[in-house]
Amino acid sequence: MTLRTKILGLLLGLMLCATVSCYFTEPGELANRGDGPIPGITVDKDGPDQVLKALGQPSSRASGWWKDEHQFDIEFRVWYYKGIGRVIFRPEMTTVYATEADKSQTGQPN
């Protein structure tokens, strides 16, 4: 293998890596967003008490990393409702960060 062939292979490999890295632009782009927001819950306003009044007790609760296009490395508190979806709270549990309606939700952390 000549030096010219090695350099050409290296350049083609770099171009392939650059192409693939630019294809997925956002960290949470491939995350399942469910069926939209859960009706009756207001993001950035409602707290745990309002969620309990609107949806009742969750099937399960978990703490875990939540991925979306804006905040990637934060441990959120997530409440799972069977047949309804997920309610994601801010780490300090003051307000709802996001909701995801998902009729296929099993009530357990995925």
Protein backbone atom coordinates (compact mmCIF):
# COMPACT_ATOMS: atom_id res chain seq x y z
CA MET A 1 0.00 0.00 0.00
CA THR A 2 1.50 3.31 -1.05
CA LEU A 3 1.63 6.48 0.99
CA ARG A 4 -0.77 8.09 -1.47
CA THR A 5 -3.37 5.33 -0.89
CA LYS A 6 -3.02 5.62 2.89
CA ILE A 7 -3.54 9.40 2.81
CA LEU A 8 -6.53 9.07 0.48
CA GLY A 9 -8.09 6.43 2.78
CA LEU A 10 -7.53 8.64 5.82
CA LEU A 11 -9.15 11.63 4.11
CA LEU A 12 -12.15 9.58 3.01
CA GLY A 13 -12.52 8.25 6.57
CA LEU A 14 -12.42 11.77 7.99
CA MET A 15 -15.05 12.92 5.49
CA LEU A 16 -17.30 9.99 6.45
CA CYS A 17 -16.93 10.76 10.17
CA ALA A 18 -17.70 14.44 9.59
CA THR A 19 -20.78 13.57 7.54
CA VAL A 20 -22.15 11.19 10.18
CA SER A 21 -21.46 13.60 13.04
CA CYS A 22 -23.34 16.41 11.29
CA TYR A 23 -26.32 14.19 10.52
CA PHE A 24 -27.49 14.00 14.14
CA THR A 25 -27.43 17.62 15.27
CA GLU A 26 -29.27 17.47 18.60
CA PRO A 27 -28.58 15.06 21.50
CA GLY A 28 -32.24 14.19 22.11
CA GLU A 29 -33.30 14.14 18.49
CA LEU A 30 -33.98 10.40 18.42
CA ALA A 31 -35.77 10.26 21.79
CA ASN A 32 -39.39 9.12 21.71
CA ARG A 33 -41.58 12.13 22.43
CA GLY A 34 -44.76 10.13 22.85
CA ASP A 35 -48.10 11.52 21.69
CA GLY A 36 -47.51 15.15 22.70
CA PRO A 37 -48.10 16.79 26.09
CA ILE A 38 -50.45 15.42 28.73
CA PRO A 39 -53.63 17.54 28.85
CA GLY A 40 -54.34 19.33 32.13
CA ILE A 41 -50.71 19.79 33.18
CA THR A 42 -49.04 23.18 32.68
CA VAL A 43 -45.28 23.06 32.13
CA ASP A 44 -43.17 25.51 34.22
CA LYS A 45 -46.21 26.32 36.39
CA ASP A 46 -47.68 23.17 37.96
CA GLY A 47 -45.93 21.43 40.82
CA PRO A 48 -46.29 17.93 42.27
CA ASP A 49 -49.52 18.83 44.12
CA GLN A 50 -51.28 19.97 40.94
CA VAL A 51 -50.12 16.83 39.10
CA LEU A 52 -51.48 14.61 41.89
CA LYS A 53 -54.83 16.44 41.71
CA ALA A 54 -55.02 16.10 37.92
CA LEU A 55 -53.69 12.55 37.44
CA GLY A 56 -53.68 10.90 40.86
CA GLN A 57 -50.87 8.75 42.23
CA PRO A 58 -48.29 7.64 39.65
CA SER A 59 -47.77 3.96 38.85
CA SER A 60 -44.08 4.43 39.62
CA ARG A 61 -41.49 7.13 40.25
CA ALA A 62 -37.87 7.24 39.19
CA SER A 63 -34.88 9.50 39.09
CA GLY A 64 -32.88 9.36 35.93
CA TRP A 65 -31.19 11.15 33.12
CA TRP A 66 -33.65 12.77 30.77
CA LYS A 67 -32.66 13.57 27.21
CA ASP A 68 -34.12 16.33 25.14
CA GLU A 69 -32.79 18.90 22.72
CA HIS A 70 -32.12 21.54 25.40
CA GLN A 71 -31.00 19.85 28.62
CA PHE A 72 -29.07 16.63 28.26
CA ASP A 73 -27.08 15.86 31.41
CA ILE A 74 -29.47 16.60 34.26
CA GLU A 75 -31.02 14.04 36.58
CA PHE A 76 -34.77 14.64 36.50
CA ARG A 77 -37.54 13.15 38.64
CA VAL A 78 -39.98 11.23 36.44
CA TRP A 79 -43.45 10.01 37.36
CA TYR A 80 -44.88 7.24 35.16
CA TYR A 81 -48.63 6.81 34.64
CA LYS A 82 -49.81 3.57 33.06
CA GLY A 83 -51.69 4.26 29.81
CA ILE A 84 -51.21 8.04 30.23
CA GLY A 85 -47.52 8.85 29.91
CA ARG A 86 -44.70 10.51 31.82
CA VAL A 87 -44.41 13.69 33.88
CA ILE A 88 -40.87 15.01 34.15
CA PHE A 89 -40.10 17.32 37.07
CA ARG A 90 -37.17 19.64 37.51
CA PRO A 91 -34.44 18.17 39.75
CA GLU A 92 -35.58 20.19 42.77
CA MET A 93 -39.23 19.04 42.24
CA THR A 94 -40.57 22.61 42.16
CA THR A 95 -42.34 22.54 38.79
CA VAL A 96 -43.02 20.28 35.82
CA TYR A 97 -40.28 20.40 33.20
CA ALA A 98 -42.15 18.45 30.50
CA THR A 99 -44.94 15.94 29.95
CA GLU A 100 -45.22 13.20 27.36
CA ALA A 101 -48.52 11.52 26.64
CA ASP A 102 -47.96 7.88 25.74
CA LYS A 103 -50.85 5.42 25.65
CA SER A 104 -48.38 2.52 25.49
CA GLN A 105 -46.70 3.54 28.75
CA THR A 106 -46.51 0.49 31.02
CA GLY A 107 -46.29 2.46 34.26
CA GLN A 108 -42.69 1.37 34.78
CA PRO A 109 -39.43 3.15 33.91
CA ASN A 110 -38.33 2.21 30.41
